[in-house]
Amino acid sequence: MQHLSVIIVCKNEADIIGKTLESLYGLTDDIILYDNGSTDNTLEIAGRFNVAIHQGLWEGYGKTKQTSMTFAKYDWILSLDADEAIDDELKQSLLTLKLTDEKAVYVIKFKNFLGNKYLKYGEWGGDKHIRLFNRKTVSWNNEPVHEKLVIPVGSVINRLSGYILHRTIKDVEDYATKTINYAMLSAEKYHKQGKRVSLLKCWIASGFAFFKYYILKAGFLDGYYGYICAKMTAHYTFLKYIRLKELEQ
């Protein structure tokens, strides 16, 4: 097993948490599930695995993830969402990795799914993020949405083989609900930052978002689901800015 801690923040993820935890079998002896008030059987399912369950209040994405790391046994952190399993290739990469340089961070490639459809193009194609790092040198910022890791100058960025399998959306209805929620949170974030927007930008930005991801980034090659993703991104962009305009007034 590897000397790293897996941190998963979750709430009401009974439909997916089992697959995520199953994919981590044999990787480490420290898997932390930081639950923010699940009312389904998420915790019951998690209890079937060798997982340390902690519960705490939701503080926004950045702060909550930072709080969750305080429960880790090891300083090396693999940060996952509840709907992010790892494939066998990535598991082997992690197991054979020599975690000796505290300044190193590791980029992991993603395979994003809408339902059972793997999206190879558009906004979700070629996705990758830093998800393995040492908490002595790296932390999450305090943003309530679209949180980011604070990476110190001089950090060494490496890439790992294998993929995180991100099954983020169950169906189009679920996608629409999450789109609206993220748009509202993003608008509030922008408003607190003092950003302003014109009505013209609301329309232009949403139209360009569709053009960018469906045409320029070849989302059309993913067929129907590529179209849906580009439309949802455009819808998200419009809602975000129109809500920001509403908050201004």
Protein backbone atom coordinates (compact mmCIF):
# COMPACT_ATOMS: atom_id res chain seq x y z
CA MET A 1 0.00 0.00 0.00
CA GLN A 2 1.00 3.62 -0.57
CA HIS A 3 1.62 6.18 2.17
CA LEU A 4 -1.00 8.67 1.03
CA SER A 5 -4.43 9.70 2.26
CA VAL A 6 -7.47 9.76 -0.02
CA ILE A 7 -9.90 12.55 0.86
CA ILE A 8 -13.50 12.46 -0.40
CA VAL A 9 -16.01 15.19 0.48
CA CYS A 10 -19.56 14.06 -0.07
CA LYS A 11 -23.27 14.47 0.59
CA ASN A 12 -26.03 12.13 -0.61
CA GLU A 13 -23.89 10.11 -3.03
CA ALA A 14 -25.38 6.66 -2.38
CA ASP A 15 -25.73 5.93 -6.09
CA ILE A 16 -21.99 6.28 -6.83
CA ILE A 17 -19.89 6.18 -3.64
CA GLY A 18 -19.64 2.39 -3.65
CA LYS A 19 -17.97 2.30 -7.08
CA THR A 20 -15.56 5.04 -6.08
CA LEU A 21 -14.50 3.30 -2.86
CA GLU A 22 -14.24 -0.08 -4.58
CA SER A 23 -11.78 1.38 -7.10
CA LEU A 24 -9.48 2.41 -4.22
CA TYR A 25 -9.13 -1.09 -2.76
CA GLY A 26 -5.50 -1.92 -2.00
CA LEU A 27 -4.20 1.61 -2.57
CA THR A 28 -3.88 2.90 1.00
CA ASP A 29 -4.91 2.28 4.58
CA ASP A 30 -6.23 5.83 4.99
CA ILE A 31 -9.38 6.76 3.09
CA ILE A 32 -11.28 9.70 4.59
CA LEU A 33 -14.95 10.28 3.81
CA TYR A 34 -15.90 13.77 4.96
CA ASP A 35 -19.70 13.85 4.95
CA ASN A 36 -21.70 17.08 4.99
CA GLY A 37 -25.07 15.80 6.15
CA SER A 38 -26.12 12.89 3.95
CA THR A 39 -29.75 11.85 4.41
CA ASP A 40 -29.66 8.85 2.06
CA ASN A 41 -27.69 5.64 2.71
CA THR A 42 -24.30 7.04 1.68
CA LEU A 43 -22.81 6.37 5.11
CA GLU A 44 -24.27 2.87 5.26
CA ILE A 45 -22.62 1.99 1.96
CA ALA A 46 -19.33 3.62 2.95
CA GLY A 47 -19.36 1.61 6.19
CA ARG A 48 -18.92 -1.58 4.15
CA PHE A 49 -15.45 -0.42 3.17
CA ASN A 50 -12.29 0.29 5.17
CA VAL A 51 -13.05 4.01 5.39
CA ALA A 52 -12.74 6.58 8.18
CA ILE A 53 -15.99 8.58 8.23
CA HIS A 54 -16.02 12.12 9.60
CA GLN A 55 -18.89 14.58 9.53
CA GLY A 56 -18.83 18.36 9.37
CA LEU A 57 -20.65 21.43 8.13
CA TRP A 58 -20.58 22.59 4.51
CA GLU A 59 -18.41 25.74 4.30
CA GLY A 60 -18.23 26.12 0.53
CA TYR A 61 -16.06 24.02 -1.75
CA GLY A 62 -12.63 25.45 -0.93
CA LYS A 63 -12.95 25.70 2.85
CA THR A 64 -14.67 22.33 3.17
CA LYS A 65 -11.92 20.55 1.25
CA GLN A 66 -9.27 22.29 3.32
CA THR A 67 -11.01 21.26 6.56
CA SER A 68 -11.31 17.66 5.38
CA MET A 69 -7.53 17.37 5.04
CA THR A 70 -7.03 17.87 8.78
CA PHE A 71 -8.28 14.28 9.31
CA ALA A 72 -5.63 12.74 7.04
CA LYS A 73 -3.06 10.32 8.43
CA TYR A 74 -0.47 11.15 5.77
CA ASP A 75 0.76 14.45 4.32
CA TRP A 76 0.40 13.23 0.74
CA ILE A 77 -3.21 13.82 -0.32
CA LEU A 78 -5.15 12.31 -3.21
CA SER A 79 -8.23 14.54 -3.46
CA LEU A 80 -11.28 12.97 -5.10
CA ASP A 81 -14.95 13.81 -5.41
CA ALA A 82 -17.51 11.15 -4.56
CA ASP A 83 -18.19 10.51 -8.27
CA GLU A 84 -14.52 10.06 -9.20
CA ALA A 85 -13.18 6.50 -9.33
CA ILE A 86 -9.65 5.59 -10.40
CA ASP A 87 -8.81 3.07 -13.12
CA ASP A 88 -6.33 0.21 -12.67
CA GLU A 89 -3.56 1.98 -14.58
CA LEU A 90 -3.74 5.00 -12.29
CA LYS A 91 -3.80 2.76 -9.22
CA GLN A 92 -0.59 1.07 -10.33
CA SER A 93 1.01 4.45 -11.06
CA LEU A 94 0.16 5.59 -7.54
CA LEU A 95 1.37 2.38 -5.90
CA THR A 96 4.79 2.54 -7.56
CA LEU A 97 5.27 6.29 -7.08
CA LYS A 98 8.13 7.43 -4.84
CA LEU A 99 6.64 10.23 -2.73
CA THR A 100 9.86 11.88 -1.60
CA ASP A 101 9.72 15.45 -2.96
CA GLU A 102 7.31 17.62 -0.94
CA LYS A 103 7.40 20.27 -3.68
CA ALA A 104 6.05 17.86 -6.28
CA VAL A 105 2.44 17.93 -7.45
CA TYR A 106 0.83 15.44 -9.81
CA VAL A 107 -1.52 16.03 -12.73
CA ILE A 108 -4.05 13.29 -13.44
CA LYS A 109 -6.04 12.89 -16.65
CA PHE A 110 -9.83 12.57 -16.52
CA LYS A 111 -12.39 10.59 -18.46
CA ASN A 112 -15.66 12.50 -18.05
CA PHE A 113 -19.02 10.77 -18.55
CA LEU A 114 -22.56 12.01 -19.15
CA GLY A 115 -24.57 8.98 -18.14
CA ASN A 116 -22.62 6.14 -19.76
CA LYS A 117 -21.24 8.30 -22.58
CA TYR A 118 -17.51 9.03 -22.43
CA LEU A 119 -17.02 12.57 -23.73
CA LYS A 120 -13.80 12.82 -25.72
CA TYR A 121 -14.26 16.35 -27.09
CA GLY A 122 -15.75 19.72 -26.20
CA GLU A 123 -15.41 21.24 -22.76
CA TRP A 124 -14.93 17.91 -21.02
CA GLY A 125 -12.49 16.36 -23.49
CA GLY A 126 -8.80 16.22 -22.57
CA ASP A 127 -9.59 17.21 -18.99
CA LYS A 128 -6.81 17.02 -16.37
CA HIS A 129 -6.22 18.42 -12.90
CA ILE A 130 -3.69 18.38 -10.08
CA ARG A 131 -5.13 15.97 -7.54
CA LEU A 132 -2.08 14.55 -5.73
CA PHE A 133 -0.03 16.90 -3.57
CA ASN A 134 1.62 17.34 -0.17
CA ARG A 135 -0.44 19.31 2.34
CA LYS A 136 2.72 20.78 3.86
CA THR A 137 3.18 22.92 0.75
CA VAL A 138 -0.20 22.97 -1.03
CA SER A 139 -3.64 24.02 0.19
CA TRP A 140 -7.11 24.77 -1.14
CA ASN A 141 -8.21 28.39 -1.44
CA ASN A 142 -11.37 29.65 0.28
CA GLU A 143 -13.55 30.06 -2.80
CA PRO A 144 -17.17 28.89 -2.30
CA VAL A 145 -17.28 27.51 -5.86
CA HIS A 146 -14.70 26.67 -8.55
CA GLU A 147 -12.11 26.17 -5.82
CA LYS A 148 -8.43 25.94 -6.73
CA LEU A 149 -5.26 24.61 -5.21
CA VAL A 150 -2.72 27.18 -4.10
CA ILE A 151 0.49 25.91 -5.71
CA PRO A 152 3.71 27.55 -4.43
CA VAL A 153 6.24 28.99 -6.87
CA GLY A 154 8.93 26.41 -7.53
CA SER A 155 6.62 23.40 -7.35
CA VAL A 156 7.52 20.53 -9.67
CA ILE A 157 4.55 19.45 -11.81
CA ASN A 158 4.50 15.79 -12.85
CA ARG A 159 2.03 13.66 -14.78
CA LEU A 160 0.69 10.25 -13.83
CA SER A 161 -0.41 7.45 -16.14
CA GLY A 162 -4.02 6.35 -15.95
CA TYR A 163 -7.31 8.14 -15.48
CA ILE A 164 -9.81 9.39 -12.95
CA LEU A 165 -13.22 8.17 -14.15
CA HIS A 166 -15.54 11.10 -13.51
CA ARG A 167 -19.19 10.05 -13.65
CA THR A 168 -20.46 13.49 -12.73
CA ILE A 169 -23.91 13.52 -14.33
CA LYS A 170 -26.52 10.74 -14.16
CA ASP A 171 -28.78 12.18 -16.89
CA VAL A 172 -29.83 15.42 -18.55
CA GLU A 173 -32.23 16.33 -15.73
CA ASP A 174 -29.43 15.96 -13.17
CA TYR A 175 -27.16 18.02 -15.45
CA ALA A 176 -29.73 20.84 -15.62
CA THR A 177 -30.12 20.95 -11.84
CA LYS A 178 -26.37 21.12 -11.24
CA THR A 179 -25.96 23.74 -13.97
CA ILE A 180 -28.43 26.08 -12.29
CA ASN A 181 -26.88 25.55 -8.86
CA TYR A 182 -23.34 26.30 -10.07
CA ALA A 183 -24.52 29.34 -12.02
CA MET A 184 -26.16 30.85 -8.93
CA LEU A 185 -23.08 30.20 -6.77
CA SER A 186 -20.76 31.67 -9.40
CA ALA A 187 -22.90 34.81 -9.73
CA GLU A 188 -22.80 35.36 -5.98
CA LYS A 189 -19.04 34.88 -6.00
CA TYR A 190 -18.61 37.45 -8.79
CA HIS A 191 -20.94 39.88 -7.02
CA LYS A 192 -18.88 39.71 -3.83
CA GLN A 193 -15.78 40.37 -5.91
CA GLY A 194 -17.40 43.55 -7.26
CA LYS A 195 -17.68 42.34 -10.84
CA ARG A 196 -20.32 43.85 -13.12
CA VAL A 197 -21.86 42.78 -16.39
CA SER A 198 -23.91 44.28 -19.22
CA LEU A 199 -27.00 42.69 -20.73
CA LEU A 200 -25.15 42.48 -24.03
CA LYS A 201 -22.41 40.36 -22.45
CA CYS A 202 -25.03 37.97 -21.05
CA TRP A 203 -26.05 37.06 -24.60
CA ILE A 204 -22.67 37.29 -26.32
CA ALA A 205 -20.82 35.25 -23.67
CA SER A 206 -23.37 32.44 -23.73
CA GLY A 207 -23.37 32.30 -27.54
CA PHE A 208 -19.58 32.21 -27.65
CA ALA A 209 -19.49 29.44 -25.02
CA PHE A 210 -21.62 27.24 -27.28
CA PHE A 211 -19.53 28.07 -30.35
CA LYS A 212 -16.27 27.44 -28.48
CA TYR A 213 -17.11 24.02 -27.11
CA TYR A 214 -19.33 22.66 -29.88
CA ILE A 215 -17.37 23.96 -32.90
CA LEU A 216 -13.85 25.05 -31.91
CA LYS A 217 -13.31 22.16 -29.48
CA ALA A 218 -15.20 19.70 -31.69
CA GLY A 219 -17.96 18.81 -29.26
CA PHE A 220 -20.08 17.82 -32.26
CA LEU A 221 -17.89 14.70 -32.57
CA ASP A 222 -19.50 13.41 -29.37
CA GLY A 223 -22.88 13.45 -31.15
CA TYR A 224 -26.06 14.19 -29.23
CA TYR A 225 -24.29 14.35 -25.87
CA GLY A 226 -21.71 16.76 -27.22
CA TYR A 227 -24.55 19.06 -28.28
CA ILE A 228 -26.21 18.77 -24.86
CA CYS A 229 -22.95 19.62 -23.08
CA ALA A 230 -22.32 22.69 -25.23
CA LYS A 231 -25.92 23.88 -24.74
CA MET A 232 -25.70 23.39 -20.98
CA THR A 233 -22.45 25.36 -20.80
CA ALA A 234 -24.05 28.17 -22.77
CA HIS A 235 -27.07 28.04 -20.45
CA TYR A 236 -24.79 28.11 -17.40
CA THR A 237 -22.95 31.14 -18.77
CA PHE A 238 -26.18 33.03 -19.45
CA LEU A 239 -27.68 32.23 -16.03
CA LYS A 240 -24.47 33.20 -14.25
CA TYR A 241 -24.30 36.63 -15.84
CA ILE A 242 -28.03 37.40 -15.77
CA ARG A 243 -28.10 36.52 -12.07
CA LEU A 244 -25.07 38.78 -11.53
CA LYS A 245 -26.95 41.58 -13.32
CA GLU A 246 -29.92 40.95 -11.02
CA LEU A 247 -27.71 41.14 -7.94
CA GLU A 248 -26.27 44.45 -9.16
CA GLN A 249 -29.75 45.95 -9.16
